[in-house]
PDB file of N, CA and C in Angstrom:
ATOM      1  N   UNK A   1      -9.807 -15.494   8.442  1.00  0.00           N
ATOM      2  CA  UNK A   1     -11.223 -15.193   8.346  1.00  0.00           C
ATOM      3  C   UNK A   1     -12.004 -16.471   8.081  1.00  0.00           C
ATOM      4  N   UNK A   2     -11.535 -17.274   7.142  1.00  0.00           N
ATOM      5  CA  UNK A   2     -12.309 -18.465   6.821  1.00  0.00           C
ATOM      6  C   UNK A   2     -12.266 -19.493   7.942  1.00  0.00           C
ATOM      7  N   UNK A   3     -11.161 -19.531   8.685  1.00  0.00           N
ATOM      8  CA  UNK A   3     -11.063 -20.490   9.791  1.00  0.00           C
ATOM      9  C   UNK A   3     -11.948 -20.042  10.956  1.00  0.00           C
ATOM     10  N   UNK A   4     -11.880 -18.759  11.310  1.00  0.00           N
ATOM     11  CA  UNK A   4     -12.633 -18.281  12.474  1.00  0.00           C
ATOM     12  C   UNK A   4     -14.112 -18.067  12.176  1.00  0.00           C
ATOM     13  N   UNK A   5     -14.419 -17.444  11.066  1.00  0.00           N
ATOM     14  CA  UNK A   5     -15.813 -17.089  10.788  1.00  0.00           C
ATOM     15  C   UNK A   5     -16.593 -18.193  10.080  1.00  0.00           C
ATOM     16  N   UNK A   6     -15.937 -18.903   9.181  1.00  0.00           N
ATOM     17  CA  UNK A   6     -16.652 -19.909   8.384  1.00  0.00           C
ATOM     18  C   UNK A   6     -16.439 -21.331   8.887  1.00  0.00           C
ATOM     19  N   UNK A   7     -15.529 -21.503   9.847  1.00  0.00           N
ATOM     20  CA  UNK A   7     -15.314 -22.821  10.418  1.00  0.00           C
ATOM     21  C   UNK A   7     -14.504 -23.761   9.548  1.00  0.00           C
ATOM     22  N   UNK A   8     -13.655 -23.248   8.683  1.00  0.00           N
ATOM     23  CA  UNK A   8     -12.810 -24.101   7.856  1.00  0.00           C
ATOM     24  C   UNK A   8     -11.756 -24.792   8.703  1.00  0.00           C
ATOM     25  N   UNK A   9     -11.281 -25.913   8.207  1.00  0.00           N
ATOM     26  CA  UNK A   9     -10.228 -26.660   8.880  1.00  0.00           C
ATOM     27  C   UNK A   9      -8.894 -25.914   8.696  1.00  0.00           C
ATOM     28  N   UNK A  10      -8.219 -25.522   9.791  1.00  0.00           N
ATOM     29  CA  UNK A  10      -6.990 -24.726   9.643  1.00  0.00           C
ATOM     30  C   UNK A  10      -5.852 -25.504   8.966  1.00  0.00           C
ATOM     31  N   UNK A  11      -5.777 -26.790   9.180  1.00  0.00           N
ATOM     32  CA  UNK A  11      -4.713 -27.591   8.566  1.00  0.00           C
ATOM     33  C   UNK A  11      -4.888 -27.643   7.055  1.00  0.00           C
ATOM     34  N   UNK A  12      -6.081 -27.885   6.600  1.00  0.00           N
ATOM     35  CA  UNK A  12      -6.350 -27.939   5.160  1.00  0.00           C
ATOM     36  C   UNK A  12      -6.145 -26.557   4.543  1.00  0.00           C
ATOM     37  N   UNK A  13      -6.580 -25.529   5.242  1.00  0.00           N
ATOM     38  CA  UNK A  13      -6.416 -24.170   4.738  1.00  0.00           C
ATOM     39  C   UNK A  13      -4.938 -23.853   4.508  1.00  0.00           C
ATOM     40  N   UNK A  14      -4.095 -24.148   5.504  1.00  0.00           N
ATOM     41  CA  UNK A  14      -2.668 -23.851   5.372  1.00  0.00           C
ATOM     42  C   UNK A  14      -2.031 -24.705   4.278  1.00  0.00           C
ATOM     43  N   UNK A  15      -2.432 -25.961   4.186  1.00  0.00           N
ATOM     44  CA  UNK A  15      -1.859 -26.853   3.163  1.00  0.00           C
ATOM     45  C   UNK A  15      -2.199 -26.335   1.765  1.00  0.00           C
ATOM     46  N   UNK A  16      -3.458 -25.961   1.546  1.00  0.00           N
ATOM     47  CA  UNK A  16      -3.877 -25.443   0.237  1.00  0.00           C
ATOM     48  C   UNK A  16      -3.186 -24.116  -0.072  1.00  0.00           C
ATOM     49  N   UNK A  17      -3.007 -23.289   0.943  1.00  0.00           N
ATOM     50  CA  UNK A  17      -2.325 -22.016   0.729  1.00  0.00           C
ATOM     51  C   UNK A  17      -0.915 -22.239   0.220  1.00  0.00           C
ATOM     52  N   UNK A  18      -0.160 -23.131   0.852  1.00  0.00           N
ATOM     53  CA  UNK A  18       1.217 -23.373   0.433  1.00  0.00           C
ATOM     54  C   UNK A  18       1.287 -24.170  -0.866  1.00  0.00           C
ATOM     55  N   UNK A  19       0.244 -24.925  -1.203  1.00  0.00           N
ATOM     56  CA  UNK A  19       0.221 -25.628  -2.482  1.00  0.00           C
ATOM     57  C   UNK A  19       0.140 -24.653  -3.649  1.00  0.00           C
ATOM     58  N   UNK A  20      -0.633 -23.592  -3.483  1.00  0.00           N
ATOM     59  CA  UNK A  20      -0.863 -22.669  -4.586  1.00  0.00           C
ATOM     60  C   UNK A  20      -0.033 -21.401  -4.528  1.00  0.00           C
ATOM     61  N   UNK A  21       0.718 -21.195  -3.464  1.00  0.00           N
ATOM     62  CA  UNK A  21       1.522 -19.988  -3.308  1.00  0.00           C
ATOM     63  C   UNK A  21       2.924 -20.242  -3.850  1.00  0.00           C
ATOM     64  N   UNK A  22       3.340 -19.400  -4.773  1.00  0.00           N
ATOM     65  CA  UNK A  22       4.677 -19.482  -5.332  1.00  0.00           C
ATOM     66  C   UNK A  22       5.564 -18.419  -4.691  1.00  0.00           C
ATOM     67  N   UNK A  23       6.868 -18.652  -4.689  1.00  0.00           N
ATOM     68  CA  UNK A  23       7.800 -17.663  -4.165  1.00  0.00           C
ATOM     69  C   UNK A  23       7.740 -16.386  -4.995  1.00  0.00           C
ATOM     70  N   UNK A  24       7.452 -16.533  -6.277  1.00  0.00           N
ATOM     71  CA  UNK A  24       7.329 -15.370  -7.164  1.00  0.00           C
ATOM     72  C   UNK A  24       6.219 -14.437  -6.683  1.00  0.00           C
ATOM     73  N   UNK A  25       5.127 -14.986  -6.173  1.00  0.00           N
ATOM     74  CA  UNK A  25       4.023 -14.155  -5.670  1.00  0.00           C
ATOM     75  C   UNK A  25       4.479 -13.276  -4.507  1.00  0.00           C
ATOM     76  N   UNK A  26       5.286 -13.833  -3.641  1.00  0.00           N
ATOM     77  CA  UNK A  26       5.804 -13.062  -2.494  1.00  0.00           C
ATOM     78  C   UNK A  26       6.748 -11.973  -2.978  1.00  0.00           C
ATOM     79  N   UNK A  27       7.635 -12.306  -3.916  1.00  0.00           N
ATOM     80  CA  UNK A  27       8.562 -11.310  -4.429  1.00  0.00           C
ATOM     81  C   UNK A  27       7.831 -10.171  -5.128  1.00  0.00           C
ATOM     82  N   UNK A  28       6.833 -10.498  -5.920  1.00  0.00           N
ATOM     83  CA  UNK A  28       6.068  -9.459  -6.619  1.00  0.00           C
ATOM     84  C   UNK A  28       5.353  -8.553  -5.621  1.00  0.00           C
ATOM     85  N   UNK A  29       4.772  -9.147  -4.586  1.00  0.00           N
ATOM     86  CA  UNK A  29       4.088  -8.345  -3.573  1.00  0.00           C
ATOM     87  C   UNK A  29       5.039  -7.411  -2.843  1.00  0.00           C
ATOM     88  N   UNK A  30       6.215  -7.902  -2.497  1.00  0.00           N
ATOM     89  CA  UNK A  30       7.212  -7.047  -1.819  1.00  0.00           C
ATOM     90  C   UNK A  30       7.723  -5.950  -2.743  1.00  0.00           C
ATOM     91  N   UNK A  31       7.930  -6.281  -4.012  1.00  0.00           N
ATOM     92  CA  UNK A  31       8.399  -5.290  -4.975  1.00  0.00           C
ATOM     93  C   UNK A  31       7.363  -4.181  -5.150  1.00  0.00           C
ATOM     94  N   UNK A  32       6.100  -4.565  -5.317  1.00  0.00           N
ATOM     95  CA  UNK A  32       5.039  -3.572  -5.463  1.00  0.00           C
ATOM     96  C   UNK A  32       4.938  -2.686  -4.229  1.00  0.00           C
ATOM     97  N   UNK A  33       5.061  -3.267  -3.050  1.00  0.00           N
ATOM     98  CA  UNK A  33       4.988  -2.473  -1.823  1.00  0.00           C
ATOM     99  C   UNK A  33       6.117  -1.449  -1.769  1.00  0.00           C
ATOM    100  N   UNK A  34       7.314  -1.834  -2.186  1.00  0.00           N
ATOM    101  CA  UNK A  34       8.438  -0.889  -2.202  1.00  0.00           C
ATOM    102  C   UNK A  34       8.202   0.243  -3.195  1.00  0.00           C
ATOM    103  N   UNK A  35       7.727  -0.089  -4.381  1.00  0.00           N
ATOM    104  CA  UNK A  35       7.473   0.931  -5.405  1.00  0.00           C
ATOM    105  C   UNK A  35       6.367   1.878  -4.934  1.00  0.00           C
ATOM    106  N   UNK A  36       5.281   1.330  -4.389  1.00  0.00           N
ATOM    107  CA  UNK A  36       4.199   2.183  -3.911  1.00  0.00           C
ATOM    108  C   UNK A  36       4.675   3.086  -2.777  1.00  0.00           C
ATOM    109  N   UNK A  37       5.490   2.557  -1.878  1.00  0.00           N
ATOM    110  CA  UNK A  37       6.042   3.364  -0.797  1.00  0.00           C
ATOM    111  C   UNK A  37       6.923   4.485  -1.306  1.00  0.00           C
ATOM    112  N   UNK A  38       7.721   4.187  -2.320  1.00  0.00           N
ATOM    113  CA  UNK A  38       8.572   5.216  -2.898  1.00  0.00           C
ATOM    114  C   UNK A  38       7.737   6.314  -3.563  1.00  0.00           C
ATOM    115  N   UNK A  39       6.689   5.917  -4.259  1.00  0.00           N
ATOM    116  CA  UNK A  39       5.812   6.909  -4.900  1.00  0.00           C
ATOM    117  C   UNK A  39       5.199   7.827  -3.854  1.00  0.00           C
ATOM    118  N   UNK A  40       4.676   7.246  -2.793  1.00  0.00           N
ATOM    119  CA  UNK A  40       4.051   8.049  -1.734  1.00  0.00           C
ATOM    120  C   UNK A  40       5.065   8.968  -1.086  1.00  0.00           C
ATOM    121  N   UNK A  41       6.263   8.464  -0.821  1.00  0.00           N
ATOM    122  CA  UNK A  41       7.289   9.277  -0.166  1.00  0.00           C
ATOM    123  C   UNK A  41       7.747  10.432  -1.058  1.00  0.00           C
ATOM    124  N   UNK A  42       7.975  10.161  -2.327  1.00  0.00           N
ATOM    125  CA  UNK A  42       8.451  11.205  -3.229  1.00  0.00           C
ATOM    126  C   UNK A  42       7.383  12.277  -3.428  1.00  0.00           C
ATOM    127  N   UNK A  43       6.160  11.870  -3.654  1.00  0.00           N
ATOM    128  CA  UNK A  43       5.081  12.838  -3.856  1.00  0.00           C
ATOM    129  C   UNK A  43       4.859  13.652  -2.577  1.00  0.00           C
ATOM    130  N   UNK A  44       4.857  12.985  -1.437  1.00  0.00           N
ATOM    131  CA  UNK A  44       4.656  13.692  -0.171  1.00  0.00           C
ATOM    132  C   UNK A  44       5.765  14.710   0.098  1.00  0.00           C
ATOM    133  N   UNK A  45       7.008  14.300  -0.150  1.00  0.00           N
ATOM    134  CA  UNK A  45       8.126  15.232   0.055  1.00  0.00           C
ATOM    135  C   UNK A  45       8.070  16.397  -0.929  1.00  0.00           C
ATOM    136  N   UNK A  46       7.758  16.105  -2.174  1.00  0.00           N
ATOM    137  CA  UNK A  46       7.672  17.165  -3.168  1.00  0.00           C
ATOM    138  C   UNK A  46       6.596  18.188  -2.790  1.00  0.00           C
ATOM    139  N   UNK A  47       5.421  17.686  -2.465  1.00  0.00           N
ATOM    140  CA  UNK A  47       4.341  18.605  -2.093  1.00  0.00           C
ATOM    141  C   UNK A  47       4.659  19.339  -0.789  1.00  0.00           C
ATOM    142  N   UNK A  48       5.301  18.668   0.149  1.00  0.00           N
ATOM    143  CA  UNK A  48       5.632  19.301   1.427  1.00  0.00           C
ATOM    144  C   UNK A  48       6.680  20.398   1.271  1.00  0.00           C
ATOM    145  N   UNK A  49       7.687  20.153   0.453  1.00  0.00           N
ATOM    146  CA  UNK A  49       8.731  21.161   0.265  1.00  0.00           C
ATOM    147  C   UNK A  49       8.277  22.349  -0.558  1.00  0.00           C
ATOM    148  N   UNK A  50       7.226  22.175  -1.353  1.00  0.00           N
ATOM    149  CA  UNK A  50       6.721  23.249  -2.203  1.00  0.00           C
ATOM    150  C   UNK A  50       5.435  23.864  -1.655  1.00  0.00           C
ATOM    151  N   UNK A  51       5.210  23.747  -0.369  1.00  0.00           N
ATOM    152  CA  UNK A  51       4.009  24.285   0.254  1.00  0.00           C
ATOM    153  C   UNK A  51       4.178  25.774   0.505  1.00  0.00           C
ATOM    154  N   UNK A  52       3.127  26.522   0.197  1.00  0.00           N
ATOM    155  CA  UNK A  52       3.102  27.950   0.470  1.00  0.00           C
ATOM    156  C   UNK A  52       1.746  28.327   1.046  1.00  0.00           C
ATOM    157  N   UNK A  53       1.693  29.369   1.824  1.00  0.00           N
ATOM    158  CA  UNK A  53       0.414  29.883   2.292  1.00  0.00           C
ATOM    159  C   UNK A  53       0.050  29.489   3.698  1.00  0.00           C
ATOM    160  N   UNK A  54       1.012  29.119   4.517  1.00  0.00           N
ATOM    161  CA  UNK A  54       0.738  28.837   5.929  1.00  0.00           C
ATOM    162  C   UNK A  54      -0.064  27.561   6.140  1.00  0.00           C
ATOM    163  N   UNK A  55      -0.904  27.588   7.164  1.00  0.00           N
ATOM    164  CA  UNK A  55      -1.666  26.385   7.537  1.00  0.00           C
ATOM    165  C   UNK A  55      -2.638  25.969   6.441  1.00  0.00           C
ATOM    166  N   UNK A  56      -3.230  26.936   5.774  1.00  0.00           N
ATOM    167  CA  UNK A  56      -4.147  26.612   4.676  1.00  0.00           C
ATOM    168  C   UNK A  56      -3.400  25.928   3.532  1.00  0.00           C
ATOM    169  N   UNK A  57      -2.191  26.387   3.267  1.00  0.00           N
ATOM    170  CA  UNK A  57      -1.371  25.787   2.221  1.00  0.00           C
ATOM    171  C   UNK A  57      -0.969  24.362   2.560  1.00  0.00           C
ATOM    172  N   UNK A  58      -0.735  24.094   3.844  1.00  0.00           N
ATOM    173  CA  UNK A  58      -0.392  22.734   4.257  1.00  0.00           C
ATOM    174  C   UNK A  58      -1.557  21.792   4.006  1.00  0.00           C
ATOM    175  N   UNK A  59      -2.771  22.233   4.312  1.00  0.00           N
ATOM    176  CA  UNK A  59      -3.942  21.414   4.042  1.00  0.00           C
ATOM    177  C   UNK A  59      -4.122  21.125   2.572  1.00  0.00           C
ATOM    178  N   UNK A  60      -3.951  22.138   1.760  1.00  0.00           N
ATOM    179  CA  UNK A  60      -4.087  21.953   0.301  1.00  0.00           C
ATOM    180  C   UNK A  60      -2.985  21.052  -0.240  1.00  0.00           C
ATOM    181  N   UNK A  61      -1.758  21.221   0.266  1.00  0.00           N
ATOM    182  CA  UNK A  61      -0.653  20.382  -0.194  1.00  0.00           C
ATOM    183  C   UNK A  61      -0.875  18.916   0.195  1.00  0.00           C
ATOM    184  N   UNK A  62      -1.422  18.715   1.380  1.00  0.00           N
ATOM    185  CA  UNK A  62      -1.716  17.352   1.815  1.00  0.00           C
ATOM    186  C   UNK A  62      -2.744  16.702   0.903  1.00  0.00           C
ATOM    187  N   UNK A  63      -3.777  17.438   0.584  1.00  0.00           N
ATOM    188  CA  UNK A  63      -4.824  16.919  -0.307  1.00  0.00           C
ATOM    189  C   UNK A  63      -4.245  16.620  -1.681  1.00  0.00           C
ATOM    190  N   UNK A  64      -3.413  17.524  -2.204  1.00  0.00           N
ATOM    191  CA  UNK A  64      -2.778  17.286  -3.508  1.00  0.00           C
ATOM    192  C   UNK A  64      -1.893  16.072  -3.468  1.00  0.00           C
ATOM    193  N   UNK A  65      -1.159  15.880  -2.378  1.00  0.00           N
ATOM    194  CA  UNK A  65      -0.254  14.731  -2.264  1.00  0.00           C
ATOM    195  C   UNK A  65      -1.039  13.431  -2.247  1.00  0.00           C
ATOM    196  N   UNK A  66      -2.132  13.390  -1.524  1.00  0.00           N
ATOM    197  CA  UNK A  66      -2.949  12.174  -1.459  1.00  0.00           C
ATOM    198  C   UNK A  66      -3.546  11.853  -2.827  1.00  0.00           C
ATOM    199  N   UNK A  67      -4.086  12.866  -3.486  1.00  0.00           N
ATOM    200  CA  UNK A  67      -4.703  12.636  -4.798  1.00  0.00           C
ATOM    201  C   UNK A  67      -3.662  12.208  -5.808  1.00  0.00           C
ATOM    202  N   UNK A  68      -2.530  12.898  -5.849  1.00  0.00           N
ATOM    203  CA  UNK A  68      -1.491  12.569  -6.813  1.00  0.00           C
ATOM    204  C   UNK A  68      -0.923  11.168  -6.577  1.00  0.00           C
ATOM    205  N   UNK A  69      -0.704  10.804  -5.314  1.00  0.00           N
ATOM    206  CA  UNK A  69      -0.201   9.460  -4.994  1.00  0.00           C
ATOM    207  C   UNK A  69      -1.189   8.396  -5.413  1.00  0.00           C
ATOM    208  N   UNK A  70      -2.458   8.637  -5.162  1.00  0.00           N
ATOM    209  CA  UNK A  70      -3.489   7.674  -5.545  1.00  0.00           C
ATOM    210  C   UNK A  70      -3.539   7.482  -7.048  1.00  0.00           C
ATOM    211  N   UNK A  71      -3.435   8.566  -7.785  1.00  0.00           N
ATOM    212  CA  UNK A  71      -3.464   8.466  -9.242  1.00  0.00           C
ATOM    213  C   UNK A  71      -2.229   7.756  -9.790  1.00  0.00           C
ATOM    214  N   UNK A  72      -1.070   8.033  -9.212  1.00  0.00           N
ATOM    215  CA  UNK A  72       0.154   7.388  -9.701  1.00  0.00           C
ATOM    216  C   UNK A  72       0.184   5.899  -9.382  1.00  0.00           C
ATOM    217  N   UNK A  73      -0.391   5.538  -8.243  1.00  0.00           N
ATOM    218  CA  UNK A  73      -0.420   4.123  -7.884  1.00  0.00           C
ATOM    219  C   UNK A  73      -1.459   3.424  -8.736  1.00  0.00           C
TER     220      UNK A  73
END
């Protein structure tokens, strides 16, 4: 974004990025993504397997799954 829209120098941008980026930052980001994915999957499966009431129940279960996942994350 800064290179294309603001006209920043791409070489300096990449150099500064790697100067301040630690390997720990990448590991933390990947770990968080895995945990968030697991939360969404578990909540979605739980709500899906406990759905009752036909098509209306599926809509309600979907809404509950989204809200619950958002709150847990």
